[in-house]
Amino acid sequence: MGQGYSLTTLSAASASIDVPELADLVHDKTLNSARFMKSIRAKHQQGFVFVKAVMKPYPSFQVSKYVKQITKERNALVDVPNALGYQRIVEIGAGGFLVRQHIYSSLYDRMSTRPFLEDIEKKWLVFQLLCAVRDCHARNVFHGDIKTENLLVTSWNWLYLTDFSSSFKPTKLPEDNPADFSFYFDTSGRRTCYLAPERFTADGSTDGGSTVNWAMDIFSVGCVVAELFLESPIFSLSQIFKYRSGDYSPEHTHLVRIVDHEVRDMILHMIDLDPEK
């Protein structure tokens, strides 16, 4: 049957919120059963909450540094109007839980929901996204996984950037093995890629002490803005590799369909191959 790829982290598909530490929550619906983190909607006496559950690779695995970093991010984001951090961080023997307020629609959902967004509404959402990224970066908080599924939109088109993950997801990924990308970032299974090309390494090395920076987040924002106006993604995982090698460019295949040239120029500036630009 061949060699299967195995990660040390256990699958979160079997995780449950039926633990004493979350006694005030009642399971309502499983939203996503990705291998890395399981997403659950739960009922609280004050409304619905969103819970992310993760399993430890082994019971003695230390998560204190991750808890400290996530707590620091949450405190830094309290006064950012377009950011929604995790409000509870719970550790148990076999895993952990991240809890935040539940909002019904992500940007990915909203783009395909009637009434469809007008151009002025899309620009308003983009403005809020740029403000959210600006305010987070000003507090030295970097997201690491900006995509349409991690942007929440209310019924009055207020946007929240959420599910910050730079503290516990890898910064660098091996170029020759898509398993890490699928495990950590492709939770929807769409094979859509929002990660900056410089996050993929040809030598197979992963983090090596590197951290997410502002340029990586800006590239992801450019991909999101393009998808919002085109209603389709501009990069798959294979296209990111081709883009980096110069064999593919979304400028003539996708972005040419955006009528507003200023929006088009902004996207091209954001997804430039040179991170410093």
C-alpha atoms as a PDB file:
ATOM      1  CA  MET A   1       0.000   0.000   0.000  1.00  0.00           C
ATOM      2  CA  GLY A   2       3.020   2.246   0.115  1.00  0.00           C
ATOM      3  CA  GLN A   3       4.329   4.579   2.748  1.00  0.00           C
ATOM      4  CA  GLY A   4       1.754   6.895   4.317  1.00  0.00           C
ATOM      5  CA  TYR A   5       2.612  10.346   5.579  1.00  0.00           C
ATOM      6  CA  SER A   6       2.298  10.688   9.327  1.00  0.00           C
ATOM      7  CA  LEU A   7       2.421  13.733  11.576  1.00  0.00           C
ATOM      8  CA  THR A   8       3.035  13.493  15.298  1.00  0.00           C
ATOM      9  CA  THR A   9      -0.137  15.423  16.096  1.00  0.00           C
ATOM     10  CA  LEU A  10      -3.211  13.255  16.578  1.00  0.00           C
ATOM     11  CA  SER A  11      -6.316  13.874  14.533  1.00  0.00           C
ATOM     12  CA  ALA A  12      -8.783  16.204  16.247  1.00  0.00           C
ATOM     13  CA  ALA A  13     -11.796  14.520  14.629  1.00  0.00           C
ATOM     14  CA  SER A  14     -12.598  12.609  17.823  1.00  0.00           C
ATOM     15  CA  ALA A  15     -12.267  15.635  20.136  1.00  0.00           C
ATOM     16  CA  SER A  16     -15.302  16.535  22.235  1.00  0.00           C
ATOM     17  CA  ILE A  17     -16.237  19.526  24.409  1.00  0.00           C
ATOM     18  CA  ASP A  18     -17.791  17.176  26.965  1.00  0.00           C
ATOM     19  CA  VAL A  19     -15.204  18.026  29.634  1.00  0.00           C
ATOM     20  CA  PRO A  20     -15.639  19.613  33.108  1.00  0.00           C
ATOM     21  CA  GLU A  21     -13.688  22.732  32.060  1.00  0.00           C
ATOM     22  CA  LEU A  22     -16.388  23.513  29.464  1.00  0.00           C
ATOM     23  CA  ALA A  23     -19.406  22.501  31.557  1.00  0.00           C
ATOM     24  CA  ASP A  24     -21.218  25.729  30.637  1.00  0.00           C
ATOM     25  CA  LEU A  25     -21.193  24.801  26.931  1.00  0.00           C
ATOM     26  CA  VAL A  26     -23.524  22.375  25.148  1.00  0.00           C
ATOM     27  CA  HIS A  27     -22.525  20.858  21.814  1.00  0.00           C
ATOM     28  CA  ASP A  28     -24.783  22.124  19.029  1.00  0.00           C
ATOM     29  CA  LYS A  29     -23.113  21.296  15.716  1.00  0.00           C
ATOM     30  CA  THR A  30     -19.768  20.159  14.321  1.00  0.00           C
ATOM     31  CA  LEU A  31     -18.730  22.728  11.712  1.00  0.00           C
ATOM     32  CA  ASN A  32     -15.475  21.188  10.508  1.00  0.00           C
ATOM     33  CA  SER A  33     -13.583  18.004  11.342  1.00  0.00           C
ATOM     34  CA  ALA A  34     -10.152  18.885   9.971  1.00  0.00           C
ATOM     35  CA  ARG A  35      -7.284  16.744  11.211  1.00  0.00           C
ATOM     36  CA  PHE A  36      -5.468  19.576  12.986  1.00  0.00           C
ATOM     37  CA  MET A  37      -8.378  21.351  14.667  1.00  0.00           C
ATOM     38  CA  LYS A  38     -12.027  20.433  14.993  1.00  0.00           C
ATOM     39  CA  SER A  39     -14.491  23.328  14.803  1.00  0.00           C
ATOM     40  CA  ILE A  40     -17.622  23.129  16.942  1.00  0.00           C
ATOM     41  CA  ARG A  41     -20.590  25.422  17.478  1.00  0.00           C
ATOM     42  CA  ALA A  42     -21.793  25.284  21.070  1.00  0.00           C
ATOM     43  CA  LYS A  43     -24.581  26.853  23.087  1.00  0.00           C
ATOM     44  CA  HIS A  44     -23.823  29.149  25.999  1.00  0.00           C
ATOM     45  CA  GLN A  45     -26.376  30.856  28.209  1.00  0.00           C
ATOM     46  CA  GLN A  46     -25.510  34.147  26.482  1.00  0.00           C
ATOM     47  CA  GLY A  47     -25.634  32.788  22.927  1.00  0.00           C
ATOM     48  CA  PHE A  48     -23.641  30.632  20.535  1.00  0.00           C
ATOM     49  CA  VAL A  49     -19.871  30.266  20.794  1.00  0.00           C
ATOM     50  CA  PHE A  50     -17.261  28.842  18.439  1.00  0.00           C
ATOM     51  CA  VAL A  51     -14.863  26.227  19.819  1.00  0.00           C
ATOM     52  CA  LYS A  52     -11.661  24.921  18.232  1.00  0.00           C
ATOM     53  CA  ALA A  53     -10.459  21.621  19.671  1.00  0.00           C
ATOM     54  CA  VAL A  54      -6.966  20.194  19.232  1.00  0.00           C
ATOM     55  CA  MET A  55      -5.422  16.932  20.452  1.00  0.00           C
ATOM     56  CA  LYS A  56      -1.981  16.695  22.047  1.00  0.00           C
ATOM     57  CA  PRO A  57       0.469  14.296  20.353  1.00  0.00           C
ATOM     58  CA  TYR A  58       1.107  12.842  23.830  1.00  0.00           C
ATOM     59  CA  PRO A  59      -0.273  13.711  27.313  1.00  0.00           C
ATOM     60  CA  SER A  60       2.954  15.281  28.626  1.00  0.00           C
ATOM     61  CA  PHE A  61       3.229  17.644  25.652  1.00  0.00           C
ATOM     62  CA  GLN A  62       3.831  21.167  26.972  1.00  0.00           C
ATOM     63  CA  VAL A  63       1.544  23.863  25.590  1.00  0.00           C
ATOM     64  CA  SER A  64       2.305  26.624  28.091  1.00  0.00           C
ATOM     65  CA  LYS A  65       4.254  28.702  25.554  1.00  0.00           C
ATOM     66  CA  TYR A  66       1.331  28.555  23.110  1.00  0.00           C
ATOM     67  CA  VAL A  67      -1.173  29.499  25.817  1.00  0.00           C
ATOM     68  CA  LYS A  68       1.022  32.430  26.818  1.00  0.00           C
ATOM     69  CA  GLN A  69       1.340  33.671  23.239  1.00  0.00           C
ATOM     70  CA  ILE A  70      -2.393  33.317  22.460  1.00  0.00           C
ATOM     71  CA  THR A  71      -3.259  35.125  25.707  1.00  0.00           C
ATOM     72  CA  LYS A  72      -0.840  37.929  24.826  1.00  0.00           C
ATOM     73  CA  GLU A  73      -2.444  38.258  21.376  1.00  0.00           C
ATOM     74  CA  ARG A  74      -5.941  38.336  22.873  1.00  0.00           C
ATOM     75  CA  ASN A  75      -5.025  41.126  25.281  1.00  0.00           C
ATOM     76  CA  ALA A  76      -3.395  43.131  22.490  1.00  0.00           C
ATOM     77  CA  LEU A  77      -6.470  42.826  20.263  1.00  0.00           C
ATOM     78  CA  VAL A  78      -9.071  43.871  22.834  1.00  0.00           C
ATOM     79  CA  ASP A  79      -9.414  47.423  21.491  1.00  0.00           C
ATOM     80  CA  VAL A  80      -9.134  46.561  17.768  1.00  0.00           C
ATOM     81  CA  PRO A  81     -12.670  47.018  16.374  1.00  0.00           C
ATOM     82  CA  ASN A  82     -12.181  44.666  13.406  1.00  0.00           C
ATOM     83  CA  ALA A  83     -10.392  41.815  15.190  1.00  0.00           C
ATOM     84  CA  LEU A  84     -11.879  38.983  17.215  1.00  0.00           C
ATOM     85  CA  GLY A  85      -9.451  37.029  19.371  1.00  0.00           C
ATOM     86  CA  TYR A  86      -9.987  33.878  21.404  1.00  0.00           C
ATOM     87  CA  GLN A  87     -11.801  34.699  24.633  1.00  0.00           C
ATOM     88  CA  ARG A  88     -11.122  31.450  26.490  1.00  0.00           C
ATOM     89  CA  ILE A  89      -8.103  29.161  26.366  1.00  0.00           C
ATOM     90  CA  VAL A  90      -8.610  25.795  28.054  1.00  0.00           C
ATOM     91  CA  GLU A  91      -6.028  23.037  28.454  1.00  0.00           C
ATOM     92  CA  ILE A  92      -6.879  19.463  29.441  1.00  0.00           C
ATOM     93  CA  GLY A  93      -4.747  16.351  29.701  1.00  0.00           C
ATOM     94  CA  ALA A  94      -5.368  15.138  26.169  1.00  0.00           C
ATOM     95  CA  GLY A  95      -5.692  18.435  24.317  1.00  0.00           C
ATOM     96  CA  GLY A  96      -6.967  21.978  24.427  1.00  0.00           C
ATOM     97  CA  PHE A  97      -9.786  24.299  23.384  1.00  0.00           C
ATOM     98  CA  LEU A  98      -9.953  27.820  22.001  1.00  0.00           C
ATOM     99  CA  VAL A  99     -13.294  29.577  22.470  1.00  0.00           C
ATOM    100  CA  ARG A 100     -14.610  32.775  20.911  1.00  0.00           C
ATOM    101  CA  GLN A 101     -17.924  34.372  20.000  1.00  0.00           C
ATOM    102  CA  HIS A 102     -19.733  32.706  17.115  1.00  0.00           C
ATOM    103  CA  ILE A 103     -20.695  34.755  14.054  1.00  0.00           C
ATOM    104  CA  TYR A 104     -22.798  32.997  11.460  1.00  0.00           C
ATOM    105  CA  SER A 105     -21.204  34.042   8.174  1.00  0.00           C
ATOM    106  CA  SER A 106     -17.633  34.052   6.985  1.00  0.00           C
ATOM    107  CA  LEU A 107     -16.631  36.163   4.003  1.00  0.00           C
ATOM    108  CA  TYR A 108     -16.517  32.956   1.959  1.00  0.00           C
ATOM    109  CA  ASP A 109     -20.160  32.262   2.878  1.00  0.00           C
ATOM    110  CA  ARG A 110     -21.262  35.859   2.367  1.00  0.00           C
ATOM    111  CA  MET A 111     -19.928  36.044  -1.204  1.00  0.00           C
ATOM    112  CA  SER A 112     -22.347  33.311  -2.285  1.00  0.00           C
ATOM    113  CA  THR A 113     -25.348  34.471  -0.239  1.00  0.00           C
ATOM    114  CA  ARG A 114     -28.162  36.621  -1.583  1.00  0.00           C
ATOM    115  CA  PRO A 115     -28.386  39.565  -1.830  1.00  0.00           C
ATOM    116  CA  PHE A 116     -24.996  39.465  -3.513  1.00  0.00           C
ATOM    117  CA  LEU A 117     -22.472  42.126  -2.557  1.00  0.00           C
ATOM    118  CA  GLU A 118     -22.347  45.346  -4.542  1.00  0.00           C
ATOM    119  CA  ASP A 119     -18.987  46.883  -5.472  1.00  0.00           C
ATOM    120  CA  ILE A 120     -19.327  49.580  -2.824  1.00  0.00           C
ATOM    121  CA  GLU A 121     -19.970  46.895  -0.193  1.00  0.00           C
ATOM    122  CA  LYS A 122     -16.903  44.956  -1.327  1.00  0.00           C
ATOM    123  CA  LYS A 123     -14.794  48.101  -1.012  1.00  0.00           C
ATOM    124  CA  TRP A 124     -16.198  48.718   2.472  1.00  0.00           C
ATOM    125  CA  LEU A 125     -15.213  45.173   3.514  1.00  0.00           C
ATOM    126  CA  VAL A 126     -11.741  45.607   2.006  1.00  0.00           C
ATOM    127  CA  PHE A 127     -11.300  48.885   3.900  1.00  0.00           C
ATOM    128  CA  GLN A 128     -12.194  47.147   7.173  1.00  0.00           C
ATOM    129  CA  LEU A 129      -9.786  44.298   6.414  1.00  0.00           C
ATOM    130  CA  LEU A 130      -6.951  46.731   5.743  1.00  0.00           C
ATOM    131  CA  CYS A 131      -7.748  48.587   8.972  1.00  0.00           C
ATOM    132  CA  ALA A 132      -7.771  45.300  10.907  1.00  0.00           C
ATOM    133  CA  VAL A 133      -4.384  44.240   9.530  1.00  0.00           C
ATOM    134  CA  ARG A 134      -2.929  47.711  10.126  1.00  0.00           C
ATOM    135  CA  ASP A 135      -4.100  47.786  13.755  1.00  0.00           C
ATOM    136  CA  CYS A 136      -2.932  44.221  14.459  1.00  0.00           C
ATOM    137  CA  HIS A 137       0.501  44.808  12.962  1.00  0.00           C
ATOM    138  CA  ALA A 138       0.823  48.032  14.968  1.00  0.00           C
ATOM    139  CA  ARG A 139       0.518  45.837  18.086  1.00  0.00           C
ATOM    140  CA  ASN A 140       3.030  43.288  16.745  1.00  0.00           C
ATOM    141  CA  VAL A 141       0.301  40.704  16.216  1.00  0.00           C
ATOM    142  CA  PHE A 142       0.577  38.807  12.947  1.00  0.00           C
ATOM    143  CA  HIS A 143      -2.147  36.492  11.730  1.00  0.00           C
ATOM    144  CA  GLY A 144      -0.374  33.863   9.644  1.00  0.00           C
ATOM    145  CA  ASP A 145      -3.458  32.394   7.947  1.00  0.00           C
ATOM    146  CA  ILE A 146      -5.599  35.168   6.466  1.00  0.00           C
ATOM    147  CA  LYS A 147      -8.208  33.685   4.129  1.00  0.00           C
ATOM    148  CA  THR A 148     -11.893  34.160   3.359  1.00  0.00           C
ATOM    149  CA  GLU A 149     -12.885  31.508   5.926  1.00  0.00           C
ATOM    150  CA  ASN A 150     -11.111  33.451   8.707  1.00  0.00           C
ATOM    151  CA  LEU A 151     -12.953  36.696   7.993  1.00  0.00           C
ATOM    152  CA  LEU A 152     -16.355  36.972   9.643  1.00  0.00           C
ATOM    153  CA  VAL A 153     -19.105  39.243   8.345  1.00  0.00           C
ATOM    154  CA  THR A 154     -22.202  40.344  10.228  1.00  0.00           C
ATOM    155  CA  SER A 155     -25.612  41.019   8.689  1.00  0.00           C
ATOM    156  CA  TRP A 156     -24.736  44.740   8.563  1.00  0.00           C
ATOM    157  CA  ASN A 157     -21.415  44.055   6.766  1.00  0.00           C
ATOM    158  CA  TRP A 158     -19.117  44.592   9.724  1.00  0.00           C
ATOM    159  CA  LEU A 159     -15.956  42.535   9.234  1.00  0.00           C
ATOM    160  CA  TYR A 160     -13.870  40.727  11.843  1.00  0.00           C
ATOM    161  CA  LEU A 161     -10.452  39.189  11.338  1.00  0.00           C
ATOM    162  CA  THR A 162     -10.290  36.106  13.538  1.00  0.00           C
ATOM    163  CA  ASP A 163      -8.621  32.756  14.262  1.00  0.00           C
ATOM    164  CA  PHE A 164      -5.100  34.147  14.642  1.00  0.00           C
ATOM    165  CA  SER A 165      -2.700  31.237  14.264  1.00  0.00           C
ATOM    166  CA  SER A 166       0.873  32.491  13.885  1.00  0.00           C
ATOM    167  CA  SER A 167       1.680  31.272  17.412  1.00  0.00           C
ATOM    168  CA  PHE A 168       0.915  27.602  16.764  1.00  0.00           C
ATOM    169  CA  LYS A 169       0.999  27.000  12.996  1.00  0.00           C
ATOM    170  CA  PRO A 170       4.326  26.647  11.167  1.00  0.00           C
ATOM    171  CA  THR A 171       5.756  29.642   9.344  1.00  0.00           C
ATOM    172  CA  LYS A 172       7.708  27.633   6.774  1.00  0.00           C
ATOM    173  CA  LEU A 173       6.435  24.622   4.829  1.00  0.00           C
ATOM    174  CA  PRO A 174       8.321  22.111   2.661  1.00  0.00           C
ATOM    175  CA  GLU A 175       7.766  22.715  -1.028  1.00  0.00           C
ATOM    176  CA  ASP A 176       8.091  19.050  -1.999  1.00  0.00           C
ATOM    177  CA  ASN A 177       5.495  17.667   0.431  1.00  0.00           C
ATOM    178  CA  PRO A 178       1.937  19.094   0.440  1.00  0.00           C
ATOM    179  CA  ALA A 179       0.932  17.100   3.528  1.00  0.00           C
ATOM    180  CA  ASP A 180       1.885  19.886   5.960  1.00  0.00           C
ATOM    181  CA  PHE A 181      -0.083  22.422   3.935  1.00  0.00           C
ATOM    182  CA  SER A 182      -3.147  20.151   3.879  1.00  0.00           C
ATOM    183  CA  PHE A 183      -2.881  19.428   7.596  1.00  0.00           C
ATOM    184  CA  TYR A 184      -2.502  22.984   8.862  1.00  0.00           C
ATOM    185  CA  PHE A 185      -3.924  25.327   6.224  1.00  0.00           C
ATOM    186  CA  ASP A 186      -6.267  23.533   3.823  1.00  0.00           C
ATOM    187  CA  THR A 187      -9.011  22.868   6.364  1.00  0.00           C
ATOM    188  CA  SER A 188     -11.763  23.397   3.781  1.00  0.00           C
ATOM    189  CA  GLY A 189     -10.253  20.938   1.305  1.00  0.00           C
ATOM    190  CA  ARG A 190     -10.504  23.458  -1.560  1.00  0.00           C
ATOM    191  CA  ARG A 191      -6.724  23.401  -2.240  1.00  0.00           C
ATOM    192  CA  THR A 192      -6.858  27.191  -2.365  1.00  0.00           C
ATOM    193  CA  CYS A 193      -3.611  28.809  -1.256  1.00  0.00           C
ATOM    194  CA  TYR A 194      -3.339  32.219   0.397  1.00  0.00           C
ATOM    195  CA  LEU A 195       0.189  31.748   1.768  1.00  0.00           C
ATOM    196  CA  ALA A 196       3.063  33.901   0.551  1.00  0.00           C
ATOM    197  CA  PRO A 197       5.527  32.062  -1.752  1.00  0.00           C
ATOM    198  CA  GLU A 198       8.433  32.736   0.600  1.00  0.00           C
ATOM    199  CA  ARG A 199       6.796  30.492   3.199  1.00  0.00           C
ATOM    200  CA  PHE A 200       7.608  27.424   1.089  1.00  0.00           C
ATOM    201  CA  THR A 201      11.168  26.129   1.279  1.00  0.00           C
ATOM    202  CA  ALA A 202      12.843  23.974  -1.350  1.00  0.00           C
ATOM    203  CA  ASP A 203      15.301  22.358   1.073  1.00  0.00           C
ATOM    204  CA  GLY A 204      12.555  20.808   3.207  1.00  0.00           C
ATOM    205  CA  SER A 205      13.375  22.908   6.282  1.00  0.00           C
ATOM    206  CA  THR A 206      10.459  24.215   8.298  1.00  0.00           C
ATOM    207  CA  ASP A 207      10.518  26.931  10.924  1.00  0.00           C
ATOM    208  CA  GLY A 208      14.177  27.301  11.821  1.00  0.00           C
ATOM    209  CA  GLY A 209      13.307  30.170  14.172  1.00  0.00           C
ATOM    210  CA  SER A 210      11.473  32.205  11.526  1.00  0.00           C
ATOM    211  CA  THR A 211       8.215  33.946  12.351  1.00  0.00           C
ATOM    212  CA  VAL A 212       5.321  35.362  10.373  1.00  0.00           C
ATOM    213  CA  ASN A 213       5.947  38.956   9.296  1.00  0.00           C
ATOM    214  CA  TRP A 214       3.881  41.796   7.862  1.00  0.00           C
ATOM    215  CA  ALA A 215       4.739  40.964   4.225  1.00  0.00           C
ATOM    216  CA  MET A 216       3.355  37.441   4.544  1.00  0.00           C
ATOM    217  CA  ASP A 217       0.048  38.754   5.874  1.00  0.00           C
ATOM    218  CA  ILE A 218      -0.162  41.406   3.148  1.00  0.00           C
ATOM    219  CA  PHE A 219       0.236  38.775   0.425  1.00  0.00           C
ATOM    220  CA  SER A 220      -2.665  36.834   1.946  1.00  0.00           C
ATOM    221  CA  VAL A 221      -4.774  40.007   2.092  1.00  0.00           C
ATOM    222  CA  GLY A 222      -4.116  40.563  -1.623  1.00  0.00           C
ATOM    223  CA  CYS A 223      -5.376  37.055  -2.392  1.00  0.00           C
ATOM    224  CA  VAL A 224      -8.515  37.677  -0.317  1.00  0.00           C
ATOM    225  CA  VAL A 225      -9.248  41.036  -1.986  1.00  0.00           C
ATOM    226  CA  ALA A 226      -8.842  39.457  -5.420  1.00  0.00           C
ATOM    227  CA  GLU A 227     -11.199  36.602  -4.513  1.00  0.00           C
ATOM    228  CA  LEU A 228     -13.757  39.055  -3.161  1.00  0.00           C
ATOM    229  CA  PHE A 229     -13.922  40.982  -6.448  1.00  0.00           C
ATOM    230  CA  LEU A 230     -13.565  37.969  -8.744  1.00  0.00           C
ATOM    231  CA  GLU A 231     -15.656  35.577  -6.636  1.00  0.00           C
ATOM    232  CA  SER A 232     -13.041  32.908  -7.301  1.00  0.00           C
ATOM    233  CA  PRO A 233      -9.532  32.313  -5.876  1.00  0.00           C
ATOM    234  CA  ILE A 234      -6.446  33.313  -7.844  1.00  0.00           C
ATOM    235  CA  PHE A 235      -4.033  30.701  -6.471  1.00  0.00           C
ATOM    236  CA  SER A 236      -4.127  26.989  -5.855  1.00  0.00           C
ATOM    237  CA  LEU A 237      -1.192  25.298  -4.162  1.00  0.00           C
ATOM    238  CA  SER A 238       0.378  24.256  -7.473  1.00  0.00           C
ATOM    239  CA  GLN A 239      -0.175  27.738  -8.947  1.00  0.00           C
ATOM    240  CA  ILE A 240       1.739  29.330  -6.048  1.00  0.00           C
ATOM    241  CA  PHE A 241       4.788  27.272  -7.001  1.00  0.00           C
ATOM    242  CA  LYS A 242       4.370  28.203 -10.670  1.00  0.00           C
ATOM    243  CA  TYR A 243       3.938  31.863  -9.727  1.00  0.00           C
ATOM    244  CA  ARG A 244       7.191  31.835  -7.789  1.00  0.00           C
ATOM    245  CA  SER A 245       9.056  30.243 -10.695  1.00  0.00           C
ATOM    246  CA  GLY A 246       7.556  32.684 -13.223  1.00  0.00           C
ATOM    247  CA  ASP A 247       5.428  30.111 -15.063  1.00  0.00           C
ATOM    248  CA  TYR A 248       2.099  31.589 -13.989  1.00  0.00           C
ATOM    249  CA  SER A 249       0.684  35.039 -13.351  1.00  0.00           C
ATOM    250  CA  PRO A 250      -2.885  35.894 -12.298  1.00  0.00           C
ATOM    251  CA  GLU A 251      -2.523  39.379 -13.796  1.00  0.00           C
ATOM    252  CA  HIS A 252      -3.637  38.337 -17.293  1.00  0.00           C
ATOM    253  CA  THR A 253      -5.704  35.266 -16.426  1.00  0.00           C
ATOM    254  CA  HIS A 254      -7.779  36.587 -13.518  1.00  0.00           C
ATOM    255  CA  LEU A 255      -7.150  40.181 -12.460  1.00  0.00           C
ATOM    256  CA  VAL A 256      -7.868  41.599 -15.903  1.00  0.00           C
ATOM    257  CA  ARG A 257     -11.558  40.982 -15.143  1.00  0.00           C
ATOM    258  CA  ILE A 258     -11.521  43.534 -12.298  1.00  0.00           C
ATOM    259  CA  VAL A 259     -12.925  46.737 -13.791  1.00  0.00           C
ATOM    260  CA  ASP A 260     -11.570  49.142 -11.159  1.00  0.00           C
ATOM    261  CA  HIS A 261      -7.935  49.630 -12.145  1.00  0.00           C
ATOM    262  CA  GLU A 262      -7.004  51.041  -8.728  1.00  0.00           C
ATOM    263  CA  VAL A 263      -8.198  47.870  -7.004  1.00  0.00           C
ATOM    264  CA  ARG A 264      -6.358  45.799  -9.603  1.00  0.00           C
ATOM    265  CA  ASP A 265      -3.134  47.747  -9.078  1.00  0.00           C
ATOM    266  CA  MET A 266      -3.443  47.418  -5.311  1.00  0.00           C
ATOM    267  CA  ILE A 267      -3.804  43.633  -5.552  1.00  0.00           C
ATOM    268  CA  LEU A 268      -0.786  43.354  -7.864  1.00  0.00           C
ATOM    269  CA  HIS A 269       1.234  45.426  -5.409  1.00  0.00           C
ATOM    270  CA  MET A 270       0.177  43.174  -2.509  1.00  0.00           C
ATOM    271  CA  ILE A 271       1.033  39.893  -4.240  1.00  0.00           C
ATOM    272  CA  ASP A 272       4.410  41.047  -5.579  1.00  0.00           C
ATOM    273  CA  LEU A 273       7.015  38.269  -5.424  1.00  0.00           C
ATOM    274  CA  ASP A 274       9.408  40.628  -3.650  1.00  0.00           C
ATOM    275  CA  PRO A 275       8.250  40.684   0.008  1.00  0.00           C
ATOM    276  CA  GLU A 276       9.817  44.084   0.597  1.00  0.00           C
ATOM    277  CA  LYS A 277       7.496  45.666  -1.963  1.00  0.00           C
END
